Amino acid sequence: MSLTAGVVAVQGDVAEHAAAIERAAAARDREVTVREIRESGLVPDCDLLAMPGGESTTISRLVHSEGIAPEIRAHVEAGKPLLATCAGLIVASSNPNDDRVEELGLLDVGVERNAFGRQKDSFEAPLAVDGLADDDPYPAVFIRAPAIDDASGGDAQVLASWDDRPVAVKQGPVVGTAFHPELTPDSRIHGLAFFENEAATVPVLEDAQ
């Protein structure tokens, strides 16, 4: 059965997320059609959903003004998977620590914006991530990355930490990361978020072109 994946395309690395979803699906011999979500009415047809990074205040404003926000909440309430990365994690949180962000409240976490520095402080780090199919470190790309500063009061499970700060969490069908998994050829995070219970049939990690 072919799956329909949506990438919330109001801002961020839309094409990169689409390519990562396609690689993760191919690794599990699944067919997937990826749609870019810029308006309401499309999310209800999606089996999988990704919310990329960018600027959290802009993403928040646009998903609400375009009527996408309630559809994202309904998607998660129906048990369908959502991957929220970087600024997407901030918007998906229950406490973005920023009055300008109208949060979706899908992850019981508080978030600190730019916790690892500004753009010039970007870095890649080898992460140990719970739930991946193998023990190889995940090459996480941090760009103006947030950190999770409070994950103790709800149901969110910490999957990975860096510098003693949580940077990946899972709660129900939602996976949130402070880093950008779409910016590496390693699609294991997308596989974890969308195909957790399906074994890969070909290597997920590919050489960069």
N, C-alpha and C. Protein backbone atom coordinates (compact mmCIF):
# COMPACT_ATOMS: atom_id res chain seq x y z
N MET A 1 0.84 -1.20 0.00
CA MET A 1 0.00 0.00 0.00
C MET A 1 0.88 1.25 0.00
N SER A 2 0.60 2.15 -0.90
CA SER A 2 1.36 3.39 -0.97
C SER A 2 0.94 4.33 0.15
N LEU A 3 1.92 5.02 0.73
CA LEU A 3 1.68 5.98 1.80
C LEU A 3 1.73 7.40 1.25
N THR A 4 1.02 8.28 1.92
CA THR A 4 1.09 9.71 1.60
C THR A 4 1.76 10.43 2.75
N ALA A 5 2.86 11.11 2.46
CA ALA A 5 3.58 11.87 3.46
C ALA A 5 3.42 13.35 3.16
N GLY A 6 3.25 14.14 4.20
CA GLY A 6 3.16 15.59 4.05
C GLY A 6 4.34 16.26 4.72
N VAL A 7 4.86 17.30 4.08
CA VAL A 7 5.88 18.14 4.70
C VAL A 7 5.28 19.55 4.82
N VAL A 8 5.17 20.02 6.05
CA VAL A 8 4.64 21.37 6.27
C VAL A 8 5.62 22.35 5.64
N ALA A 9 5.17 23.00 4.56
CA ALA A 9 6.09 23.71 3.68
C ALA A 9 5.98 25.22 3.79
N VAL A 10 5.60 25.71 4.97
CA VAL A 10 5.51 27.16 5.14
C VAL A 10 6.90 27.78 5.30
N GLN A 11 7.90 26.95 5.65
CA GLN A 11 9.27 27.41 5.81
C GLN A 11 10.15 26.19 6.02
N GLY A 12 11.46 26.33 5.77
CA GLY A 12 12.40 25.28 6.13
C GLY A 12 12.83 24.40 4.97
N ASP A 13 13.55 23.31 5.32
CA ASP A 13 14.16 22.41 4.34
C ASP A 13 13.14 21.40 3.83
N VAL A 14 12.24 21.88 3.01
CA VAL A 14 11.13 21.04 2.55
C VAL A 14 11.63 19.93 1.64
N ALA A 15 12.40 20.28 0.61
CA ALA A 15 12.87 19.28 -0.35
C ALA A 15 13.76 18.24 0.33
N GLU A 16 14.58 18.69 1.28
CA GLU A 16 15.47 17.76 1.98
C GLU A 16 14.68 16.76 2.83
N HIS A 17 13.62 17.23 3.49
CA HIS A 17 12.78 16.31 4.26
C HIS A 17 12.08 15.32 3.32
N ALA A 18 11.60 15.81 2.19
CA ALA A 18 10.93 14.92 1.24
C ALA A 18 11.88 13.83 0.77
N ALA A 19 13.12 14.19 0.47
CA ALA A 19 14.10 13.20 0.02
C ALA A 19 14.42 12.20 1.12
N ALA A 20 14.53 12.67 2.36
CA ALA A 20 14.82 11.76 3.48
C ALA A 20 13.67 10.79 3.71
N ILE A 21 12.44 11.27 3.60
CA ILE A 21 11.27 10.39 3.74
C ILE A 21 11.29 9.32 2.65
N GLU A 22 11.61 9.72 1.44
CA GLU A 22 11.64 8.76 0.33
C GLU A 22 12.73 7.71 0.54
N ARG A 23 13.91 8.13 1.06
CA ARG A 23 14.98 7.17 1.34
C ARG A 23 14.57 6.20 2.44
N ALA A 24 13.96 6.73 3.51
CA ALA A 24 13.54 5.86 4.61
C ALA A 24 12.49 4.87 4.15
N ALA A 25 11.57 5.30 3.30
CA ALA A 25 10.55 4.39 2.78
C ALA A 25 11.16 3.33 1.87
N ALA A 26 12.08 3.75 1.00
CA ALA A 26 12.71 2.80 0.09
C ALA A 26 13.50 1.74 0.85
N ALA A 27 14.10 2.13 1.99
CA ALA A 27 14.87 1.19 2.80
C ALA A 27 13.98 0.09 3.38
N ARG A 28 12.69 0.35 3.40
CA ARG A 28 11.74 -0.63 3.95
C ARG A 28 10.80 -1.15 2.86
N ASP A 29 11.19 -0.93 1.62
CA ASP A 29 10.43 -1.42 0.47
C ASP A 29 8.99 -0.91 0.49
N ARG A 30 8.85 0.36 0.90
CA ARG A 30 7.54 1.00 0.92
C ARG A 30 7.46 2.08 -0.14
N GLU A 31 6.29 2.25 -0.71
CA GLU A 31 6.05 3.32 -1.67
C GLU A 31 5.47 4.52 -0.93
N VAL A 32 5.94 5.71 -1.26
CA VAL A 32 5.45 6.91 -0.60
C VAL A 32 5.35 8.05 -1.60
N THR A 33 4.29 8.81 -1.48
CA THR A 33 4.11 10.05 -2.24
C THR A 33 4.20 11.21 -1.26
N VAL A 34 5.07 12.17 -1.54
CA VAL A 34 5.28 13.28 -0.64
C VAL A 34 4.58 14.53 -1.17
N ARG A 35 3.81 15.16 -0.30
CA ARG A 35 3.08 16.38 -0.67
C ARG A 35 3.56 17.54 0.20
N GLU A 36 3.66 18.71 -0.40
CA GLU A 36 4.02 19.91 0.34
C GLU A 36 2.74 20.57 0.87
N ILE A 37 2.73 20.88 2.17
CA ILE A 37 1.55 21.39 2.84
C ILE A 37 1.72 22.89 3.08
N ARG A 38 0.97 23.70 2.35
CA ARG A 38 0.99 25.15 2.54
C ARG A 38 -0.38 25.72 2.86
N GLU A 39 -1.39 24.87 2.85
CA GLU A 39 -2.75 25.32 3.10
C GLU A 39 -3.53 24.19 3.76
N SER A 40 -4.66 24.54 4.34
CA SER A 40 -5.48 23.53 5.00
C SER A 40 -6.13 22.62 3.97
N GLY A 41 -6.57 21.46 4.46
CA GLY A 41 -7.28 20.52 3.61
C GLY A 41 -6.42 19.37 3.10
N LEU A 42 -5.10 19.45 3.28
CA LEU A 42 -4.21 18.43 2.75
C LEU A 42 -3.74 17.45 3.84
N VAL A 43 -3.55 17.94 5.05
CA VAL A 43 -3.05 17.09 6.13
C VAL A 43 -3.95 15.89 6.40
N PRO A 44 -5.29 16.01 6.34
CA PRO A 44 -6.12 14.84 6.63
C PRO A 44 -5.87 13.65 5.70
N ASP A 45 -5.29 13.90 4.53
CA ASP A 45 -5.01 12.81 3.60
C ASP A 45 -3.63 12.19 3.80
N CYS A 46 -2.88 12.69 4.77
CA CYS A 46 -1.50 12.24 4.98
C CYS A 46 -1.43 11.14 6.03
N ASP A 47 -0.59 10.14 5.74
CA ASP A 47 -0.30 9.09 6.71
C ASP A 47 0.85 9.49 7.63
N LEU A 48 1.77 10.27 7.11
CA LEU A 48 2.97 10.72 7.83
C LEU A 48 3.08 12.22 7.67
N LEU A 49 3.72 12.88 8.63
CA LEU A 49 3.83 14.34 8.56
C LEU A 49 5.17 14.77 9.15
N ALA A 50 5.83 15.71 8.45
CA ALA A 50 7.06 16.31 8.95
C ALA A 50 6.87 17.82 9.05
N MET A 51 7.39 18.41 10.12
CA MET A 51 7.36 19.85 10.31
C MET A 51 8.80 20.33 10.44
N PRO A 52 9.36 20.94 9.38
CA PRO A 52 10.77 21.30 9.37
C PRO A 52 11.10 22.49 10.27
N GLY A 53 12.41 22.79 10.28
CA GLY A 53 12.90 23.96 11.00
C GLY A 53 12.68 25.23 10.21
N GLY A 54 13.32 26.29 10.67
CA GLY A 54 13.15 27.62 10.09
C GLY A 54 13.11 28.63 11.22
N GLU A 55 12.12 29.47 11.21
CA GLU A 55 11.91 30.45 12.27
C GLU A 55 10.60 30.10 12.98
N SER A 56 10.69 29.78 14.26
CA SER A 56 9.52 29.24 14.97
C SER A 56 8.36 30.22 15.01
N THR A 57 8.65 31.52 15.14
CA THR A 57 7.56 32.49 15.18
C THR A 57 6.82 32.52 13.85
N THR A 58 7.55 32.43 12.75
CA THR A 58 6.93 32.44 11.41
C THR A 58 6.14 31.17 11.17
N ILE A 59 6.72 30.02 11.52
CA ILE A 59 6.02 28.75 11.33
C ILE A 59 4.73 28.74 12.14
N SER A 60 4.83 29.15 13.40
CA SER A 60 3.65 29.19 14.25
C SER A 60 2.55 30.07 13.66
N ARG A 61 2.95 31.25 13.23
CA ARG A 61 1.96 32.19 12.69
C ARG A 61 1.28 31.63 11.44
N LEU A 62 2.06 31.03 10.56
CA LEU A 62 1.50 30.57 9.29
C LEU A 62 0.66 29.30 9.43
N VAL A 63 1.07 28.36 10.28
CA VAL A 63 0.24 27.15 10.42
C VAL A 63 -1.10 27.48 11.05
N HIS A 64 -1.13 28.52 11.89
CA HIS A 64 -2.41 28.93 12.47
C HIS A 64 -3.23 29.77 11.50
N SER A 65 -2.61 30.71 10.82
CA SER A 65 -3.37 31.58 9.91
C SER A 65 -3.90 30.81 8.71
N GLU A 66 -3.19 29.75 8.29
CA GLU A 66 -3.63 28.96 7.14
C GLU A 66 -4.54 27.80 7.53
N GLY A 67 -4.84 27.67 8.80
CA GLY A 67 -5.74 26.60 9.24
C GLY A 67 -5.11 25.23 9.28
N ILE A 68 -3.76 25.17 9.26
CA ILE A 68 -3.07 23.89 9.27
C ILE A 68 -2.91 23.35 10.69
N ALA A 69 -2.81 24.23 11.67
CA ALA A 69 -2.55 23.82 13.05
C ALA A 69 -3.56 22.82 13.59
N PRO A 70 -4.88 23.08 13.48
CA PRO A 70 -5.82 22.09 14.02
C PRO A 70 -5.75 20.76 13.28
N GLU A 71 -5.36 20.79 12.01
CA GLU A 71 -5.23 19.54 11.27
C GLU A 71 -4.01 18.74 11.73
N ILE A 72 -2.93 19.43 12.11
CA ILE A 72 -1.77 18.74 12.67
C ILE A 72 -2.15 18.09 13.99
N ARG A 73 -2.87 18.82 14.83
CA ARG A 73 -3.30 18.24 16.11
C ARG A 73 -4.19 17.01 15.88
N ALA A 74 -5.11 17.10 14.94
CA ALA A 74 -6.00 15.97 14.66
C ALA A 74 -5.22 14.78 14.11
N HIS A 75 -4.21 15.05 13.30
CA HIS A 75 -3.33 14.01 12.76
C HIS A 75 -2.69 13.22 13.89
N VAL A 76 -2.14 13.94 14.88
CA VAL A 76 -1.48 13.29 16.01
C VAL A 76 -2.50 12.58 16.90
N GLU A 77 -3.64 13.20 17.12
CA GLU A 77 -4.68 12.57 17.94
C GLU A 77 -5.16 11.27 17.33
N ALA A 78 -5.07 11.16 16.01
CA ALA A 78 -5.46 9.92 15.33
C ALA A 78 -4.37 8.87 15.38
N GLY A 79 -3.24 9.19 16.02
CA GLY A 79 -2.15 8.23 16.15
C GLY A 79 -1.21 8.18 14.97
N LYS A 80 -1.30 9.16 14.08
CA LYS A 80 -0.43 9.19 12.91
C LYS A 80 0.89 9.89 13.26
N PRO A 81 2.02 9.43 12.70
CA PRO A 81 3.31 9.96 13.10
C PRO A 81 3.60 11.36 12.59
N LEU A 82 4.30 12.11 13.44
CA LEU A 82 4.78 13.45 13.13
C LEU A 82 6.24 13.54 13.54
N LEU A 83 7.09 14.07 12.65
CA LEU A 83 8.47 14.38 12.96
C LEU A 83 8.62 15.89 12.95
N ALA A 84 8.99 16.48 14.09
CA ALA A 84 9.15 17.93 14.21
C ALA A 84 10.61 18.23 14.51
N THR A 85 11.26 19.01 13.64
CA THR A 85 12.69 19.22 13.77
C THR A 85 13.03 20.69 13.99
N CYS A 86 14.01 20.93 14.87
CA CYS A 86 14.53 22.25 15.17
C CYS A 86 13.39 23.22 15.52
N ALA A 87 13.12 24.22 14.69
CA ALA A 87 12.02 25.14 15.00
C ALA A 87 10.69 24.41 15.04
N GLY A 88 10.56 23.33 14.28
CA GLY A 88 9.34 22.53 14.34
C GLY A 88 9.14 21.93 15.72
N LEU A 89 10.25 21.55 16.37
CA LEU A 89 10.19 21.07 17.75
C LEU A 89 9.66 22.15 18.68
N ILE A 90 10.12 23.39 18.49
CA ILE A 90 9.67 24.50 19.32
C ILE A 90 8.17 24.69 19.19
N VAL A 91 7.68 24.67 17.97
CA VAL A 91 6.24 24.86 17.71
C VAL A 91 5.44 23.69 18.28
N ALA A 92 5.98 22.49 18.20
CA ALA A 92 5.26 21.30 18.68
C ALA A 92 5.26 21.18 20.20
N SER A 93 6.13 21.93 20.87
CA SER A 93 6.28 21.80 22.32
C SER A 93 5.07 22.35 23.07
N SER A 94 5.04 22.07 24.37
CA SER A 94 4.00 22.65 25.22
C SER A 94 4.45 23.97 25.84
N ASN A 95 5.76 24.24 25.81
CA ASN A 95 6.28 25.49 26.36
C ASN A 95 7.48 25.96 25.54
N PRO A 96 7.25 26.84 24.56
CA PRO A 96 8.36 27.34 23.74
C PRO A 96 9.18 28.43 24.41
N ASN A 97 8.76 28.86 25.60
CA ASN A 97 9.45 29.95 26.30
C ASN A 97 9.58 31.20 25.43
N ASP A 98 8.56 31.46 24.65
CA ASP A 98 8.54 32.64 23.77
C ASP A 98 7.07 33.00 23.53
N ASP A 99 6.66 34.16 24.00
CA ASP A 99 5.26 34.56 23.88
C ASP A 99 4.82 34.76 22.43
N ARG A 100 5.78 34.88 21.53
CA ARG A 100 5.43 35.07 20.11
C ARG A 100 5.03 33.78 19.42
N VAL A 101 5.33 32.66 20.05
CA VAL A 101 5.04 31.36 19.45
C VAL A 101 3.76 30.79 20.05
N GLU A 102 2.80 30.51 19.20
CA GLU A 102 1.57 29.83 19.63
C GLU A 102 1.78 28.34 19.46
N GLU A 103 2.11 27.68 20.54
CA GLU A 103 2.53 26.28 20.49
C GLU A 103 1.37 25.35 20.15
N LEU A 104 1.74 24.17 19.65
CA LEU A 104 0.75 23.14 19.35
C LEU A 104 0.51 22.21 20.54
N GLY A 105 1.44 22.17 21.50
CA GLY A 105 1.25 21.36 22.70
C GLY A 105 1.23 19.87 22.45
N LEU A 106 2.03 19.40 21.49
CA LEU A 106 2.04 17.98 21.14
C LEU A 106 3.12 17.20 21.88
N LEU A 107 4.08 17.91 22.46
CA LEU A 107 5.15 17.30 23.24
C LEU A 107 5.20 17.99 24.61
N ASP A 108 5.20 17.20 25.66
CA ASP A 108 5.21 17.76 27.02
C ASP A 108 6.63 18.16 27.42
N VAL A 109 7.16 19.17 26.72
CA VAL A 109 8.52 19.63 26.99
C VAL A 109 8.56 21.15 26.91
N GLY A 110 9.53 21.72 27.64
CA GLY A 110 9.89 23.11 27.47
C GLY A 110 11.14 23.19 26.62
N VAL A 111 11.28 24.27 25.86
CA VAL A 111 12.37 24.38 24.89
C VAL A 111 13.09 25.72 25.06
N GLU A 112 14.41 25.68 24.97
CA GLU A 112 15.22 26.90 24.96
C GLU A 112 15.72 27.15 23.55
N ARG A 113 15.36 28.27 22.97
CA ARG A 113 15.79 28.59 21.60
C ARG A 113 17.28 28.90 21.57
N ASN A 114 17.91 28.56 20.43
CA ASN A 114 19.33 28.87 20.19
C ASN A 114 20.23 28.45 21.35
N ALA A 115 19.93 27.32 21.94
CA ALA A 115 20.64 26.88 23.14
C ALA A 115 22.11 26.57 22.87
N PHE A 116 22.44 26.22 21.62
CA PHE A 116 23.82 25.87 21.28
C PHE A 116 24.52 26.96 20.47
N GLY A 117 23.96 28.17 20.46
CA GLY A 117 24.60 29.28 19.77
C GLY A 117 23.88 29.68 18.50
N ARG A 118 24.43 30.67 17.85
CA ARG A 118 23.84 31.23 16.63
C ARG A 118 24.33 30.45 15.40
N GLN A 119 24.03 30.98 14.22
CA GLN A 119 24.36 30.32 12.96
C GLN A 119 25.85 29.98 12.87
N LYS A 120 26.71 30.89 13.30
CA LYS A 120 28.15 30.67 13.19
C LYS A 120 28.63 29.55 14.11
N ASP A 121 27.80 29.16 15.06
CA ASP A 121 28.17 28.10 16.00
C ASP A 121 27.65 26.73 15.58
N SER A 122 27.21 26.60 14.34
CA SER A 122 26.68 25.32 13.85
C SER A 122 27.74 24.23 13.93
N PHE A 123 27.29 22.99 14.18
CA PHE A 123 28.24 21.89 14.30
C PHE A 123 27.53 20.57 14.03
N GLU A 124 28.32 19.53 13.82
CA GLU A 124 27.80 18.17 13.68
C GLU A 124 28.34 17.34 14.82
N ALA A 125 27.48 16.49 15.39
CA ALA A 125 27.88 15.70 16.56
C ALA A 125 27.39 14.26 16.40
N PRO A 126 28.20 13.29 16.85
CA PRO A 126 27.78 11.88 16.81
C PRO A 126 26.89 11.56 18.01
N LEU A 127 25.63 11.28 17.75
CA LEU A 127 24.66 11.05 18.83
C LEU A 127 24.34 9.57 18.98
N ALA A 128 24.24 9.15 20.22
CA ALA A 128 23.64 7.86 20.53
C ALA A 128 22.14 8.08 20.69
N VAL A 129 21.34 7.48 19.82
CA VAL A 129 19.90 7.70 19.79
C VAL A 129 19.17 6.40 20.11
N ASP A 130 18.39 6.39 21.17
CA ASP A 130 17.59 5.21 21.51
C ASP A 130 16.59 4.92 20.41
N GLY A 131 16.46 3.65 20.06
CA GLY A 131 15.44 3.25 19.11
C GLY A 131 15.93 3.05 17.70
N LEU A 132 17.16 3.46 17.40
CA LEU A 132 17.69 3.23 16.05
C LEU A 132 17.99 1.75 15.86
N ALA A 133 17.98 1.33 14.60
CA ALA A 133 18.11 -0.09 14.30
C ALA A 133 19.50 -0.63 14.59
N ASP A 134 20.50 0.24 14.69
CA ASP A 134 21.86 -0.21 14.99
C ASP A 134 22.48 0.75 15.99
N ASP A 135 23.70 0.43 16.42
CA ASP A 135 24.35 1.21 17.45
C ASP A 135 25.28 2.29 16.91
N ASP A 136 25.36 2.44 15.60
CA ASP A 136 26.24 3.46 15.03
C ASP A 136 25.75 4.84 15.44
N PRO A 137 26.67 5.75 15.81
CA PRO A 137 26.25 7.11 16.17
C PRO A 137 25.54 7.79 15.00
N TYR A 138 24.58 8.62 15.35
CA TYR A 138 23.87 9.36 14.31
C TYR A 138 24.55 10.71 14.10
N PRO A 139 24.86 11.10 12.84
CA PRO A 139 25.56 12.35 12.57
C PRO A 139 24.59 13.54 12.58
N ALA A 140 24.35 14.09 13.77
CA ALA A 140 23.33 15.13 13.94
C ALA A 140 23.90 16.51 13.60
N VAL A 141 23.16 17.25 12.78
CA VAL A 141 23.57 18.59 12.35
C VAL A 141 22.79 19.62 13.17
N PHE A 142 23.51 20.44 13.92
CA PHE A 142 22.92 21.46 14.77
C PHE A 142 23.14 22.84 14.16
N ILE A 143 22.05 23.53 13.84
CA ILE A 143 22.12 24.89 13.28
C ILE A 143 21.16 25.78 14.06
N ARG A 144 21.69 26.74 14.80
CA ARG A 144 20.85 27.58 15.67
C ARG A 144 19.88 26.70 16.46
N ALA A 145 20.41 25.64 17.00
CA ALA A 145 19.56 24.59 17.54
C ALA A 145 19.01 24.92 18.92
N PRO A 146 17.77 24.55 19.16
CA PRO A 146 17.21 24.63 20.50
C PRO A 146 17.69 23.45 21.34
N ALA A 147 17.38 23.47 22.60
CA ALA A 147 17.55 22.30 23.47
C ALA A 147 16.29 22.17 24.30
N ILE A 148 16.04 20.96 24.76
CA ILE A 148 14.89 20.70 25.61
C ILE A 148 15.32 20.94 27.04
N ASP A 149 14.73 21.95 27.68
CA ASP A 149 15.18 22.29 29.03
C ASP A 149 14.28 21.73 30.12
N ASP A 150 13.18 21.08 29.72
CA ASP A 150 12.30 20.48 30.72
C ASP A 150 11.50 19.36 30.08
N ALA A 151 11.87 18.12 30.40
CA ALA A 151 11.13 16.97 29.88
C ALA A 151 10.69 16.06 31.01
N SER A 152 10.64 16.61 32.23
CA SER A 152 10.41 15.78 33.41
C SER A 152 8.95 15.72 33.85
N GLY A 153 8.12 16.62 33.33
CA GLY A 153 6.79 16.71 33.87
C GLY A 153 5.69 16.04 33.07
N GLY A 154 6.05 15.37 31.96
CA GLY A 154 5.02 14.79 31.11
C GLY A 154 5.38 13.41 30.64
N ASP A 155 4.89 13.05 29.47
CA ASP A 155 5.05 11.70 28.95
C ASP A 155 6.13 11.59 27.89
N ALA A 156 6.87 12.65 27.64
CA ALA A 156 7.90 12.61 26.60
C ALA A 156 9.09 11.77 27.07
N GLN A 157 9.56 10.91 26.18
CA GLN A 157 10.72 10.05 26.44
C GLN A 157 11.94 10.64 25.75
N VAL A 158 13.01 10.86 26.48
CA VAL A 158 14.24 11.39 25.89
C VAL A 158 14.94 10.28 25.11
N LEU A 159 15.22 10.55 23.83
CA LEU A 159 15.89 9.58 22.97
C LEU A 159 17.38 9.84 22.84
N ALA A 160 17.79 11.11 22.97
CA ALA A 160 19.20 11.46 22.79
C ALA A 160 19.50 12.76 23.51
N SER A 161 20.74 12.88 23.97
CA SER A 161 21.20 14.11 24.62
C SER A 161 22.57 14.48 24.07
N TRP A 162 22.88 15.76 24.13
CA TRP A 162 24.21 16.24 23.79
C TRP A 162 24.61 17.28 24.82
N ASP A 163 25.82 17.18 25.32
CA ASP A 163 26.31 18.10 26.34
C ASP A 163 25.36 18.11 27.54
N ASP A 164 24.85 16.92 27.87
CA ASP A 164 23.94 16.74 29.01
C ASP A 164 22.60 17.45 28.84
N ARG A 165 22.22 17.75 27.61
CA ARG A 165 20.93 18.40 27.35
C ARG A 165 20.13 17.55 26.37
N PRO A 166 18.87 17.24 26.65
CA PRO A 166 18.07 16.46 25.70
C PRO A 166 17.93 17.16 24.36
N VAL A 167 18.11 16.39 23.28
CA VAL A 167 17.99 16.97 21.93
C VAL A 167 17.08 16.15 21.01
N ALA A 168 16.53 15.06 21.55
CA ALA A 168 15.55 14.28 20.78
C ALA A 168 14.60 13.61 21.77
N VAL A 169 13.31 13.69 21.47
CA VAL A 169 12.29 13.11 22.35
C VAL A 169 11.21 12.42 21.51
N LYS A 170 10.48 11.55 22.19
CA LYS A 170 9.35 10.88 21.55
C LYS A 170 8.19 10.87 22.53
N GLN A 171 7.01 11.17 22.04
CA GLN A 171 5.80 11.08 22.85
C GLN A 171 4.68 10.60 21.95
N GLY A 172 4.21 9.39 22.20
CA GLY A 172 3.19 8.82 21.33
C GLY A 172 3.71 8.75 19.90
N PRO A 173 2.95 9.26 18.93
CA PRO A 173 3.39 9.20 17.54
C PRO A 173 4.29 10.35 17.11
N VAL A 174 4.70 11.20 18.07
CA VAL A 174 5.48 12.39 17.74
C VAL A 174 6.94 12.20 18.13
N VAL A 175 7.84 12.46 17.19
CA VAL A 175 9.28 12.53 17.46
C VAL A 175 9.72 13.96 17.22
N GLY A 176 10.44 14.53 18.18
CA GLY A 176 10.96 15.88 18.03
C GLY A 176 12.46 15.88 18.18
N THR A 177 13.17 16.60 17.29
CA THR A 177 14.62 16.70 17.37
C THR A 177 15.04 18.16 17.34
N ALA A 178 16.10 18.48 18.09
CA ALA A 178 16.66 19.82 18.07
C ALA A 178 17.56 20.02 16.86
N PHE A 179 17.98 18.94 16.24
CA PHE A 179 18.89 18.98 15.10
C PHE A 179 18.13 18.78 13.79
N HIS A 180 18.88 18.80 12.69
CA HIS A 180 18.30 18.72 11.34
C HIS A 180 18.61 17.36 10.71
N PRO A 181 17.78 16.34 10.89
CA PRO A 181 18.08 15.03 10.31
C PRO A 181 17.97 15.00 8.79
N GLU A 182 17.33 16.00 8.21
CA GLU A 182 17.18 16.06 6.75
C GLU A 182 18.46 16.49 6.06
N LEU A 183 19.44 17.01 6.82
CA LEU A 183 20.67 17.53 6.21
C LEU A 183 21.82 16.53 6.22
N THR A 184 21.49 15.27 6.38
CA THR A 184 22.48 14.19 6.30
C THR A 184 21.88 13.09 5.44
N PRO A 185 22.71 12.33 4.71
CA PRO A 185 22.17 11.21 3.93
C PRO A 185 21.68 10.06 4.80
N ASP A 186 21.93 10.11 6.09
CA ASP A 186 21.49 9.08 7.02
C ASP A 186 20.01 9.32 7.35
N SER A 187 19.14 8.44 6.89
CA SER A 187 17.70 8.63 7.07
C SER A 187 17.13 7.84 8.24
N ARG A 188 17.99 7.45 9.19
CA ARG A 188 17.49 6.61 10.29
C ARG A 188 16.52 7.33 11.21
N ILE A 189 16.67 8.64 11.39
CA ILE A 189 15.72 9.36 12.23
C ILE A 189 14.34 9.39 11.58
N HIS A 190 14.29 9.62 10.28
CA HIS A 190 13.00 9.57 9.58
C HIS A 190 12.43 8.15 9.63
N GLY A 191 13.30 7.15 9.54
CA GLY A 191 12.82 5.78 9.68
C GLY A 191 12.26 5.51 11.06
N LEU A 192 12.93 6.02 12.10
CA LEU A 192 12.46 5.85 13.48
C LEU A 192 11.11 6.54 13.67
N ALA A 193 10.96 7.73 13.13
CA ALA A 193 9.72 8.49 13.31
C ALA A 193 8.55 7.87 12.56
N PHE A 194 8.82 7.36 11.36
CA PHE A 194 7.71 6.97 10.49
C PHE A 194 7.53 5.47 10.32
N PHE A 195 8.59 4.69 10.50
CA PHE A 195 8.53 3.25 10.22
C PHE A 195 9.16 2.46 11.37
N GLU A 196 8.87 2.86 12.59
CA GLU A 196 9.55 2.33 13.77
C GLU A 196 9.51 0.81 13.85
N ASN A 197 8.40 0.23 13.47
CA ASN A 197 8.23 -1.22 13.63
C ASN A 197 8.48 -2.00 12.35
N GLU A 198 9.09 -1.36 11.35
CA GLU A 198 9.35 -2.03 10.08
C GLU A 198 10.85 -2.11 9.86
N ALA A 199 11.35 -3.31 9.59
CA ALA A 199 12.78 -3.49 9.39
C ALA A 199 13.20 -2.96 8.03
N ALA A 200 14.37 -2.35 7.98
CA ALA A 200 14.92 -1.89 6.71
C ALA A 200 15.39 -3.09 5.90
N THR A 201 15.21 -3.03 4.57
CA THR A 201 15.61 -4.12 3.69
C THR A 201 16.88 -3.78 2.92
N VAL A 202 17.25 -2.50 2.92
CA VAL A 202 18.51 -2.09 2.30
C VAL A 202 19.13 -1.08 3.26
N PRO A 203 20.45 -0.83 3.17
CA PRO A 203 21.08 0.12 4.11
C PRO A 203 20.43 1.48 4.05
N VAL A 204 20.15 2.06 5.23
CA VAL A 204 19.55 3.39 5.30
C VAL A 204 20.60 4.45 5.07
N LEU A 205 21.84 4.20 5.50
CA LEU A 205 22.91 5.18 5.37
C LEU A 205 23.50 5.08 3.99
N GLU A 206 23.48 6.19 3.24
CA GLU A 206 24.02 6.24 1.89
C GLU A 206 25.16 7.22 1.85
N ASP A 207 26.06 7.02 0.90
CA ASP A 207 27.16 7.96 0.74
C ASP A 207 26.64 9.25 0.17
N ALA A 208 27.13 10.39 0.70
CA ALA A 208 26.74 11.69 0.19
C ALA A 208 27.24 11.85 -1.23
N GLN A 209 26.43 12.48 -2.05
CA GLN A 209 26.81 12.70 -3.46
C GLN A 209 27.58 13.99 -3.60
